[in-house]
Amino acid sequence: MADYHFVTTYEIEAPIEQVWQALRDFDHYPTWSKGIFQAQQLESGAADGVGDKIRYKVKGRLPFTLAFDATVAQADPPRILELRASGELEGVGRWTLGEHGTATTARYTWDVRTNKRWMNLLAPLARPVFEWNHDGVMRDAGHGLARFLDARLISIHVGSRRHSNSPT
C-alpha cells in the first residue's frame, strides 16, 4: 500500500460555528466540493455525530474515482471532527478549527493509504501526480466552501509529506 499525509488549511472570513455546521453536514458536501460527487449517510450515530457513517465517491482531475466509507470517530464541536475511512482509501481525516477575530482557520489532516492495486503499483512513479490531484480537489473545495458560506476565502495552503511505500 502507498501511504500519504496531506495537510490543507483554509482561512475563511466566517464564524467558527458556521464553518463547523458546513463540515458536519455531510450530505451537502457535493454541493460545495465538486470532487465529492456522492455523499450518502449509511448509519446515524450518537447525538454528537460520533458513529455516523457516510459513503463517499470522489473524483479529482484524473480519470478515476475512489469510493470509501467514513465513520465519525470524534466530534468536539466546533473544534475537532475526526473520521476513519475504509474502502479504496483507508486512514484518518481530522478537521481542526480555530477562530481568530472574524476568521476561522479550518485545518484538514488526511493520513491515508490507497487500497487500489494499480495505484499502489504506480505510486513510486505517479505519487507526484496523485498528490497534485488531491491538492486540486482540496483547493476547489476551499473555494466551494467559501461560496457555500457566502464568505471570503482569505487563504488556502495545501501540502503533503511523503511516506514510504509499503509492499503491495
Protein backbone atom coordinates (compact mmCIF):
# COMPACT_ATOMS: atom_id res chain seq x y z
CA MET A 1 0.00 0.00 0.00
CA ALA A 2 1.08 3.57 -0.62
CA ASP A 3 0.77 5.95 2.34
CA TYR A 4 0.10 9.67 2.05
CA HIS A 5 -0.01 12.54 4.52
CA PHE A 6 -1.86 15.66 3.38
CA VAL A 7 -2.46 18.91 5.23
CA THR A 8 -4.86 21.52 3.91
CA THR A 9 -5.62 24.78 5.69
CA TYR A 10 -8.40 27.22 4.82
CA GLU A 11 -8.76 30.63 6.38
CA ILE A 12 -12.34 31.81 5.84
CA GLU A 13 -13.96 35.02 6.98
CA ALA A 14 -16.88 33.32 8.74
CA PRO A 15 -17.81 32.41 12.33
CA ILE A 16 -16.44 29.09 13.54
CA GLU A 17 -19.95 27.72 14.19
CA GLN A 18 -20.94 28.36 10.56
CA VAL A 19 -17.85 26.58 9.23
CA TRP A 20 -18.41 23.70 11.70
CA GLN A 21 -22.02 23.26 10.55
CA ALA A 22 -20.95 23.09 6.90
CA LEU A 23 -18.28 20.48 7.67
CA ARG A 24 -20.72 18.42 9.77
CA ASP A 25 -23.40 18.48 7.06
CA PHE A 26 -22.03 15.52 5.11
CA ASP A 27 -25.00 15.25 2.77
CA HIS A 28 -24.24 18.71 1.34
CA TYR A 29 -20.55 18.14 0.60
CA PRO A 30 -21.29 17.55 -3.11
CA THR A 31 -22.97 21.00 -3.16
CA TRP A 32 -19.73 22.81 -2.42
CA SER A 33 -16.95 20.25 -3.04
CA LYS A 34 -17.05 19.27 -6.70
CA GLY A 35 -14.52 16.48 -6.06
CA ILE A 36 -17.09 14.71 -3.88
CA PHE A 37 -19.83 13.75 -6.28
CA GLN A 38 -21.65 11.48 -3.82
CA ALA A 39 -22.06 11.56 -0.05
CA GLN A 40 -24.63 9.21 1.39
CA GLN A 41 -25.24 8.70 5.10
CA LEU A 42 -25.34 4.97 5.80
CA GLU A 43 -25.75 4.98 9.59
CA SER A 44 -26.58 7.50 12.29
CA GLY A 45 -24.53 7.59 15.43
CA ALA A 46 -24.86 9.42 18.72
CA ALA A 47 -26.34 12.90 19.11
CA ASP A 48 -22.87 14.46 18.73
CA GLY A 49 -22.39 12.59 15.44
CA VAL A 50 -19.88 10.02 16.68
CA GLY A 51 -20.68 6.80 14.86
CA ASP A 52 -22.23 8.48 11.80
CA LYS A 53 -21.16 6.53 8.72
CA ILE A 54 -21.03 8.15 5.29
CA ARG A 55 -20.18 6.65 1.89
CA TYR A 56 -18.17 8.96 -0.34
CA LYS A 57 -17.40 8.77 -4.02
CA VAL A 58 -14.73 11.20 -5.15
CA LYS A 59 -13.17 12.23 -8.42
CA GLY A 60 -10.39 14.70 -8.92
CA ARG A 61 -8.74 15.94 -12.09
CA LEU A 62 -7.51 12.47 -13.06
CA PRO A 63 -9.79 9.99 -14.87
CA PHE A 64 -10.64 7.67 -11.97
CA THR A 65 -12.93 7.62 -8.96
CA LEU A 66 -12.43 6.38 -5.42
CA ALA A 67 -15.09 5.13 -3.02
CA PHE A 68 -14.75 4.85 0.73
CA ASP A 69 -16.82 4.86 3.90
CA ALA A 70 -16.03 7.35 6.66
CA THR A 71 -17.14 6.93 10.25
CA VAL A 72 -17.09 9.84 12.69
CA ALA A 73 -14.66 8.78 15.42
CA GLN A 74 -14.50 12.06 17.36
CA ALA A 75 -16.60 15.23 17.46
CA ASP A 76 -15.80 18.13 19.75
CA PRO A 77 -17.96 21.00 18.41
CA PRO A 78 -16.91 23.38 17.00
CA ARG A 79 -13.21 22.46 17.18
CA ILE A 80 -12.50 18.85 16.15
CA LEU A 81 -14.09 16.43 13.71
CA GLU A 82 -12.27 13.16 13.09
CA LEU A 83 -13.26 10.50 10.58
CA ARG A 84 -11.91 7.00 9.99
CA ALA A 85 -12.00 5.87 6.37
CA SER A 86 -12.17 2.36 4.93
CA GLY A 87 -12.55 1.10 1.39
CA GLU A 88 -10.46 2.19 -1.59
CA LEU A 89 -8.91 4.77 0.75
CA GLU A 90 -8.13 3.86 4.34
CA GLY A 91 -6.97 6.12 7.13
CA VAL A 92 -7.85 9.08 9.33
CA GLY A 93 -9.09 12.55 8.35
CA ARG A 94 -9.20 15.25 11.01
CA TRP A 95 -10.67 18.75 10.85
CA THR A 96 -9.32 21.15 13.48
CA LEU A 97 -10.97 24.57 13.66
CA GLY A 98 -9.87 27.75 15.35
CA GLU A 99 -11.39 31.24 15.40
CA HIS A 100 -9.31 34.41 15.13
CA GLY A 101 -11.38 37.60 15.16
CA THR A 102 -13.83 37.34 12.25
CA ALA A 103 -11.98 34.49 10.58
CA THR A 104 -11.96 30.73 11.06
CA THR A 105 -8.98 28.55 10.29
CA ALA A 106 -10.02 25.05 9.22
CA ARG A 107 -7.13 22.60 9.00
CA TYR A 108 -7.64 19.16 7.48
CA THR A 109 -5.06 16.45 8.07
CA TRP A 110 -5.52 13.33 5.95
CA ASP A 111 -3.33 10.32 6.72
CA VAL A 112 -4.41 7.81 4.15
CA ARG A 113 -3.31 4.80 2.18
CA THR A 114 -4.63 3.54 -1.12
CA ASN A 115 -6.14 0.09 -1.48
CA LYS A 116 -6.38 0.00 -5.27
CA ARG A 117 -3.70 -2.35 -6.53
CA TRP A 118 -2.97 -0.36 -9.69
CA MET A 119 -2.47 2.83 -7.65
CA ASN A 120 -0.08 1.07 -5.31
CA LEU A 121 1.89 -0.37 -8.20
CA LEU A 122 2.17 3.06 -9.84
CA ALA A 123 2.80 5.01 -6.63
CA PRO A 124 6.61 5.05 -6.88
CA LEU A 125 6.33 6.93 -10.18
CA ALA A 126 2.87 8.51 -10.03
CA ARG A 127 2.93 9.81 -6.44
CA PRO A 128 3.53 13.45 -7.50
CA VAL A 129 0.56 13.24 -9.89
CA PHE A 130 -1.67 11.66 -7.22
CA GLU A 131 -0.64 14.42 -4.79
CA TRP A 132 -1.32 17.10 -7.43
CA ASN A 133 -4.78 15.54 -7.97
CA HIS A 134 -5.55 15.61 -4.24
CA ASP A 135 -4.30 19.18 -3.86
CA GLY A 136 -6.52 20.32 -6.74
CA VAL A 137 -9.58 18.71 -5.15
CA MET A 138 -8.84 20.45 -1.86
CA ARG A 139 -8.23 23.85 -3.50
CA ASP A 140 -11.54 23.55 -5.35
CA ALA A 141 -13.25 22.52 -2.09
CA GLY A 142 -11.90 25.58 -0.26
CA HIS A 143 -13.29 27.92 -2.91
CA GLY A 144 -16.57 25.98 -2.91
CA LEU A 145 -16.87 26.08 0.88
CA ALA A 146 -16.38 29.85 0.90
CA ARG A 147 -19.08 30.26 -1.78
CA PHE A 148 -21.40 27.91 0.15
CA LEU A 149 -20.91 30.02 3.29
CA ASP A 150 -21.12 33.27 1.31
CA ALA A 151 -17.83 34.19 2.92
CA ARG A 152 -14.46 35.49 1.78
CA LEU A 153 -11.73 32.89 1.41
CA ILE A 154 -8.67 34.57 2.89
CA SER A 155 -6.16 31.83 2.10
CA ILE A 156 -5.60 28.20 1.18
CA HIS A 157 -2.49 26.18 1.87
CA VAL A 158 -2.12 22.59 0.65
CA GLY A 159 0.81 20.30 1.14
CA SER A 160 1.93 16.74 1.57
CA ARG A 161 4.72 14.89 3.24
CA ARG A 162 6.00 11.73 1.64
CA HIS A 163 5.72 8.39 3.33
CA SER A 164 7.49 5.26 2.25
CA ASN A 165 5.66 2.77 0.06
CA SER A 166 4.77 -0.48 1.75
CA PRO A 167 4.93 -3.68 -0.27
CA THR A 168 1.76 -4.35 -2.23
